Amino acid sequence: MGWASGYMVFLLHKHHQHVLYLQTSKLLYRTPPELKAAQSVLLQMLCFLFFYWTDCFMALYVTFSLEKHFIEVSALEFVDLGYAILSPFVLIHRNGHLTKCWPAQ
C-alpha cells in the first residue's frame, strides 16, 4: 500500500508540473486538484499507518498480558475497525462537491 500511494503521489506531482503553465493568474490562489488529490492520498496513508501500527502494538500487548481486561480488548477492536470507519469520512471531508450537498445551518 505504501508503494502504491507513493507512486500515485509521484504521478499526481508529475501531472501537476505538466499542467502548471496552463493555469492563469486567476487560478494561482486556488489549490490545484492534483495537489488536493495528493494530499488526500497522503492523509489516507497516514491514517492507515497510524491504525496499523497502533493495532500491532495493542495486539502484542493484549496477547502477552497475563490478564485480559474488557476495556483493552474493546479498544483493540475499535482500532481494528478504525481505518475502515474513518477513511470514508476523510475522503468526504476533502471533497468540496459533497459539502455543497449539505448546506450549513
N, C-alpha and C. Protein backbone atom coordinates (compact mmCIF):
# COMPACT_ATOMS: atom_id res chain seq x y z
N MET A 1 0.82 -1.19 0.00
CA MET A 1 0.00 0.00 0.00
C MET A 1 0.87 1.26 0.00
N GLY A 2 1.97 1.21 0.69
CA GLY A 2 2.87 2.36 0.72
C GLY A 2 3.47 2.65 -0.64
N TRP A 3 3.88 1.59 -1.35
CA TRP A 3 4.46 1.79 -2.68
C TRP A 3 3.42 2.36 -3.62
N ALA A 4 2.21 1.83 -3.59
CA ALA A 4 1.14 2.32 -4.47
C ALA A 4 0.80 3.77 -4.17
N SER A 5 0.73 4.12 -2.89
CA SER A 5 0.43 5.51 -2.52
C SER A 5 1.54 6.45 -2.95
N GLY A 6 2.77 6.03 -2.75
CA GLY A 6 3.90 6.86 -3.17
C GLY A 6 3.93 7.06 -4.68
N TYR A 7 3.66 5.99 -5.42
CA TYR A 7 3.64 6.09 -6.88
C TYR A 7 2.51 7.01 -7.35
N MET A 8 1.35 6.92 -6.69
CA MET A 8 0.22 7.77 -7.05
C MET A 8 0.56 9.25 -6.79
N VAL A 9 1.19 9.53 -5.67
CA VAL A 9 1.59 10.91 -5.38
C VAL A 9 2.62 11.38 -6.40
N PHE A 10 3.55 10.51 -6.79
CA PHE A 10 4.54 10.87 -7.81
C PHE A 10 3.87 11.20 -9.13
N LEU A 11 2.90 10.39 -9.56
CA LEU A 11 2.19 10.66 -10.81
C LEU A 11 1.39 11.96 -10.73
N LEU A 12 0.75 12.21 -9.61
CA LEU A 12 0.00 13.45 -9.45
C LEU A 12 0.92 14.67 -9.47
N HIS A 13 2.08 14.55 -8.85
CA HIS A 13 3.04 15.65 -8.87
C HIS A 13 3.55 15.89 -10.29
N LYS A 14 3.84 14.81 -11.00
CA LYS A 14 4.32 14.94 -12.38
C LYS A 14 3.26 15.58 -13.27
N HIS A 15 2.01 15.18 -13.09
CA HIS A 15 0.91 15.77 -13.86
C HIS A 15 0.76 17.25 -13.51
N HIS A 16 0.88 17.57 -12.24
CA HIS A 16 0.78 18.96 -11.81
C HIS A 16 1.87 19.82 -12.45
N GLN A 17 3.07 19.29 -12.56
CA GLN A 17 4.16 20.03 -13.19
C GLN A 17 3.90 20.25 -14.67
N HIS A 18 3.25 19.26 -15.34
CA HIS A 18 2.96 19.39 -16.77
C HIS A 18 1.90 20.44 -17.05
N VAL A 19 0.91 20.57 -16.19
CA VAL A 19 -0.19 21.49 -16.47
C VAL A 19 -0.03 22.83 -15.75
N LEU A 20 1.06 23.03 -15.07
CA LEU A 20 1.26 24.26 -14.31
C LEU A 20 1.26 25.49 -15.21
N TYR A 21 1.80 25.36 -16.41
CA TYR A 21 1.86 26.52 -17.31
C TYR A 21 0.50 26.87 -17.88
N LEU A 22 -0.49 25.98 -17.80
CA LEU A 22 -1.82 26.26 -18.33
C LEU A 22 -2.66 27.12 -17.39
N GLN A 23 -2.27 27.20 -16.15
CA GLN A 23 -3.08 27.94 -15.18
C GLN A 23 -2.88 29.44 -15.36
N THR A 24 -3.96 30.17 -15.24
CA THR A 24 -3.89 31.62 -15.32
C THR A 24 -3.63 32.19 -13.94
N SER A 25 -3.39 33.49 -13.88
CA SER A 25 -3.13 34.12 -12.58
C SER A 25 -4.36 34.08 -11.69
N LYS A 26 -5.55 33.96 -12.29
CA LYS A 26 -6.78 33.86 -11.50
C LYS A 26 -6.81 32.57 -10.69
N LEU A 27 -6.22 31.52 -11.23
CA LEU A 27 -6.26 30.23 -10.56
C LEU A 27 -5.08 30.00 -9.62
N LEU A 28 -4.15 30.94 -9.55
CA LEU A 28 -2.97 30.73 -8.72
C LEU A 28 -3.30 30.69 -7.23
N TYR A 29 -4.39 31.31 -6.83
CA TYR A 29 -4.72 31.37 -5.41
C TYR A 29 -5.57 30.19 -4.95
N ARG A 30 -5.99 29.37 -5.88
CA ARG A 30 -6.72 28.16 -5.52
C ARG A 30 -5.77 26.97 -5.53
N THR A 31 -6.07 26.00 -4.69
CA THR A 31 -5.26 24.79 -4.67
C THR A 31 -5.63 23.93 -5.88
N PRO A 32 -4.66 23.54 -6.69
CA PRO A 32 -4.96 22.72 -7.87
C PRO A 32 -5.50 21.35 -7.46
N PRO A 33 -6.32 20.73 -8.32
CA PRO A 33 -6.89 19.43 -7.97
C PRO A 33 -5.83 18.34 -7.79
N GLU A 34 -4.71 18.47 -8.50
CA GLU A 34 -3.65 17.46 -8.35
C GLU A 34 -3.08 17.49 -6.94
N LEU A 35 -2.90 18.69 -6.40
CA LEU A 35 -2.36 18.79 -5.04
C LEU A 35 -3.38 18.33 -4.01
N LYS A 36 -4.66 18.63 -4.25
CA LYS A 36 -5.69 18.15 -3.33
C LYS A 36 -5.73 16.62 -3.32
N ALA A 37 -5.62 16.01 -4.51
CA ALA A 37 -5.63 14.55 -4.60
C ALA A 37 -4.40 13.96 -3.92
N ALA A 38 -3.24 14.58 -4.12
CA ALA A 38 -2.02 14.09 -3.48
C ALA A 38 -2.13 14.21 -1.96
N GLN A 39 -2.69 15.32 -1.47
CA GLN A 39 -2.87 15.48 -0.03
C GLN A 39 -3.84 14.44 0.52
N SER A 40 -4.89 14.13 -0.24
CA SER A 40 -5.84 13.11 0.21
C SER A 40 -5.18 11.74 0.29
N VAL A 41 -4.36 11.42 -0.71
CA VAL A 41 -3.65 10.13 -0.70
C VAL A 41 -2.71 10.05 0.49
N LEU A 42 -1.97 11.12 0.73
CA LEU A 42 -1.04 11.12 1.87
C LEU A 42 -1.78 11.05 3.20
N LEU A 43 -2.90 11.73 3.30
CA LEU A 43 -3.69 11.68 4.54
C LEU A 43 -4.25 10.28 4.77
N GLN A 44 -4.72 9.63 3.70
CA GLN A 44 -5.20 8.25 3.81
C GLN A 44 -4.07 7.32 4.25
N MET A 45 -2.88 7.53 3.68
CA MET A 45 -1.74 6.69 4.04
C MET A 45 -1.34 6.90 5.49
N LEU A 46 -1.36 8.14 5.96
CA LEU A 46 -1.04 8.40 7.37
C LEU A 46 -2.06 7.77 8.30
N CYS A 47 -3.34 7.85 7.94
CA CYS A 47 -4.38 7.21 8.75
C CYS A 47 -4.17 5.70 8.80
N PHE A 48 -3.87 5.12 7.63
CA PHE A 48 -3.64 3.67 7.59
C PHE A 48 -2.45 3.28 8.46
N LEU A 49 -1.34 4.01 8.34
CA LEU A 49 -0.17 3.68 9.14
C LEU A 49 -0.43 3.84 10.63
N PHE A 50 -1.13 4.90 11.00
CA PHE A 50 -1.45 5.10 12.42
C PHE A 50 -2.25 3.93 12.97
N PHE A 51 -3.33 3.56 12.28
CA PHE A 51 -4.17 2.48 12.78
C PHE A 51 -3.46 1.12 12.70
N TYR A 52 -2.64 0.91 11.67
CA TYR A 52 -1.93 -0.36 11.53
C TYR A 52 -0.93 -0.55 12.67
N TRP A 53 -0.10 0.47 12.92
CA TRP A 53 0.90 0.33 13.97
C TRP A 53 0.29 0.34 15.36
N THR A 54 -0.75 1.11 15.57
CA THR A 54 -1.44 1.09 16.86
C THR A 54 -2.05 -0.28 17.10
N ASP A 55 -2.65 -0.85 16.07
CA ASP A 55 -3.23 -2.19 16.19
C ASP A 55 -2.14 -3.23 16.47
N CYS A 56 -1.02 -3.09 15.81
CA CYS A 56 0.08 -4.04 16.01
C CYS A 56 0.57 -4.01 17.46
N PHE A 57 0.84 -2.83 17.97
CA PHE A 57 1.35 -2.73 19.34
C PHE A 57 0.30 -3.14 20.38
N MET A 58 -0.95 -2.76 20.14
CA MET A 58 -2.00 -3.15 21.09
C MET A 58 -2.24 -4.65 21.06
N ALA A 59 -2.18 -5.26 19.87
CA ALA A 59 -2.36 -6.71 19.77
C ALA A 59 -1.24 -7.44 20.50
N LEU A 60 -0.01 -6.96 20.36
CA LEU A 60 1.10 -7.57 21.10
C LEU A 60 0.91 -7.42 22.61
N TYR A 61 0.47 -6.25 23.04
CA TYR A 61 0.25 -6.02 24.47
C TYR A 61 -0.85 -6.93 25.01
N VAL A 62 -1.97 -7.02 24.29
CA VAL A 62 -3.08 -7.86 24.76
C VAL A 62 -2.69 -9.33 24.71
N THR A 63 -1.93 -9.73 23.70
CA THR A 63 -1.53 -11.13 23.58
C THR A 63 -0.62 -11.55 24.73
N PHE A 64 0.33 -10.71 25.08
CA PHE A 64 1.31 -11.09 26.09
C PHE A 64 0.95 -10.65 27.50
N SER A 65 -0.15 -9.95 27.69
CA SER A 65 -0.54 -9.58 29.05
C SER A 65 -1.17 -10.80 29.72
N LEU A 66 -0.97 -10.89 31.01
CA LEU A 66 -1.47 -12.05 31.74
C LEU A 66 -2.98 -11.97 31.95
N GLU A 67 -3.48 -10.80 32.20
CA GLU A 67 -4.91 -10.62 32.41
C GLU A 67 -5.50 -9.85 31.24
N LYS A 68 -6.58 -10.36 30.72
CA LYS A 68 -7.26 -9.70 29.61
C LYS A 68 -8.41 -8.88 30.20
N HIS A 69 -8.33 -7.57 30.08
CA HIS A 69 -9.38 -6.69 30.55
C HIS A 69 -10.32 -6.36 29.40
N PHE A 70 -11.58 -6.17 29.75
CA PHE A 70 -12.60 -5.88 28.74
C PHE A 70 -12.30 -4.60 27.97
N ILE A 71 -11.80 -3.59 28.67
CA ILE A 71 -11.53 -2.29 28.03
C ILE A 71 -10.39 -2.43 27.01
N GLU A 72 -9.36 -3.20 27.35
CA GLU A 72 -8.25 -3.39 26.42
C GLU A 72 -8.70 -4.10 25.16
N VAL A 73 -9.50 -5.14 25.32
CA VAL A 73 -9.99 -5.89 24.16
C VAL A 73 -10.93 -5.03 23.33
N SER A 74 -11.78 -4.25 23.98
CA SER A 74 -12.69 -3.36 23.25
C SER A 74 -11.92 -2.28 22.49
N ALA A 75 -10.88 -1.74 23.11
CA ALA A 75 -10.06 -0.73 22.43
C ALA A 75 -9.34 -1.35 21.23
N LEU A 76 -8.89 -2.59 21.37
CA LEU A 76 -8.25 -3.27 20.25
C LEU A 76 -9.22 -3.47 19.10
N GLU A 77 -10.46 -3.83 19.40
CA GLU A 77 -11.47 -3.99 18.35
C GLU A 77 -11.77 -2.66 17.67
N PHE A 78 -11.82 -1.57 18.44
CA PHE A 78 -12.05 -0.26 17.85
C PHE A 78 -10.92 0.13 16.91
N VAL A 79 -9.68 -0.13 17.33
CA VAL A 79 -8.53 0.19 16.49
C VAL A 79 -8.52 -0.69 15.24
N ASP A 80 -8.95 -1.95 15.39
CA ASP A 80 -9.05 -2.84 14.22
C ASP A 80 -9.98 -2.26 13.16
N LEU A 81 -11.08 -1.69 13.60
CA LEU A 81 -12.08 -1.15 12.67
C LEU A 81 -11.89 0.33 12.39
N GLY A 82 -10.95 0.97 13.05
CA GLY A 82 -10.79 2.42 12.95
C GLY A 82 -10.56 2.93 11.55
N TYR A 83 -9.66 2.30 10.81
CA TYR A 83 -9.36 2.79 9.45
C TYR A 83 -10.57 2.62 8.55
N ALA A 84 -11.24 1.48 8.64
CA ALA A 84 -12.41 1.24 7.79
C ALA A 84 -13.55 2.21 8.12
N ILE A 85 -13.64 2.61 9.38
CA ILE A 85 -14.71 3.52 9.79
C ILE A 85 -14.38 4.96 9.42
N LEU A 86 -13.15 5.39 9.64
CA LEU A 86 -12.80 6.81 9.49
C LEU A 86 -12.34 7.22 8.09
N SER A 87 -11.83 6.29 7.29
CA SER A 87 -11.29 6.69 5.99
C SER A 87 -12.35 7.26 5.04
N PRO A 88 -13.59 6.76 5.00
CA PRO A 88 -14.58 7.42 4.13
C PRO A 88 -14.87 8.86 4.56
N PHE A 89 -14.85 9.13 5.86
CA PHE A 89 -15.11 10.49 6.32
C PHE A 89 -13.97 11.44 5.96
N VAL A 90 -12.75 10.92 5.91
CA VAL A 90 -11.62 11.74 5.47
C VAL A 90 -11.82 12.13 4.01
N LEU A 91 -12.24 11.18 3.18
CA LEU A 91 -12.46 11.48 1.77
C LEU A 91 -13.64 12.42 1.58
N ILE A 92 -14.71 12.24 2.34
CA ILE A 92 -15.88 13.11 2.22
C ILE A 92 -15.50 14.53 2.62
N HIS A 93 -14.73 14.67 3.68
CA HIS A 93 -14.32 16.00 4.13
C HIS A 93 -13.43 16.69 3.11
N ARG A 94 -12.58 15.93 2.42
CA ARG A 94 -11.66 16.51 1.45
C ARG A 94 -12.33 16.85 0.13
N ASN A 95 -13.51 16.28 -0.15
CA ASN A 95 -14.20 16.51 -1.42
C ASN A 95 -15.08 17.75 -1.29
N GLY A 96 -14.81 18.77 -2.05
CA GLY A 96 -15.56 20.02 -1.97
C GLY A 96 -16.96 19.92 -2.54
N HIS A 97 -17.20 18.99 -3.48
CA HIS A 97 -18.51 18.87 -4.10
C HIS A 97 -19.55 18.31 -3.12
N LEU A 98 -19.12 17.44 -2.23
CA LEU A 98 -20.07 16.84 -1.29
C LEU A 98 -20.51 17.82 -0.22
N THR A 99 -19.67 18.78 0.11
CA THR A 99 -20.06 19.74 1.14
C THR A 99 -21.14 20.69 0.64
N LYS A 100 -21.25 20.85 -0.68
CA LYS A 100 -22.30 21.70 -1.23
C LYS A 100 -23.67 21.03 -1.13
N CYS A 101 -23.70 19.71 -0.99
CA CYS A 101 -24.98 18.99 -0.88
C CYS A 101 -25.67 19.26 0.45
N TRP A 102 -24.87 19.46 1.51
CA TRP A 102 -25.42 19.71 2.83
C TRP A 102 -25.15 21.16 3.21
N PRO A 103 -26.15 22.03 3.09
CA PRO A 103 -25.91 23.43 3.43
C PRO A 103 -25.69 23.60 4.93
N ALA A 104 -24.87 24.57 5.28
CA ALA A 104 -24.60 24.86 6.69
C ALA A 104 -25.82 25.52 7.32
N GLN A 105 -26.05 25.20 8.58
CA GLN A 105 -27.23 25.76 9.24
C GLN A 105 -26.85 26.81 10.23
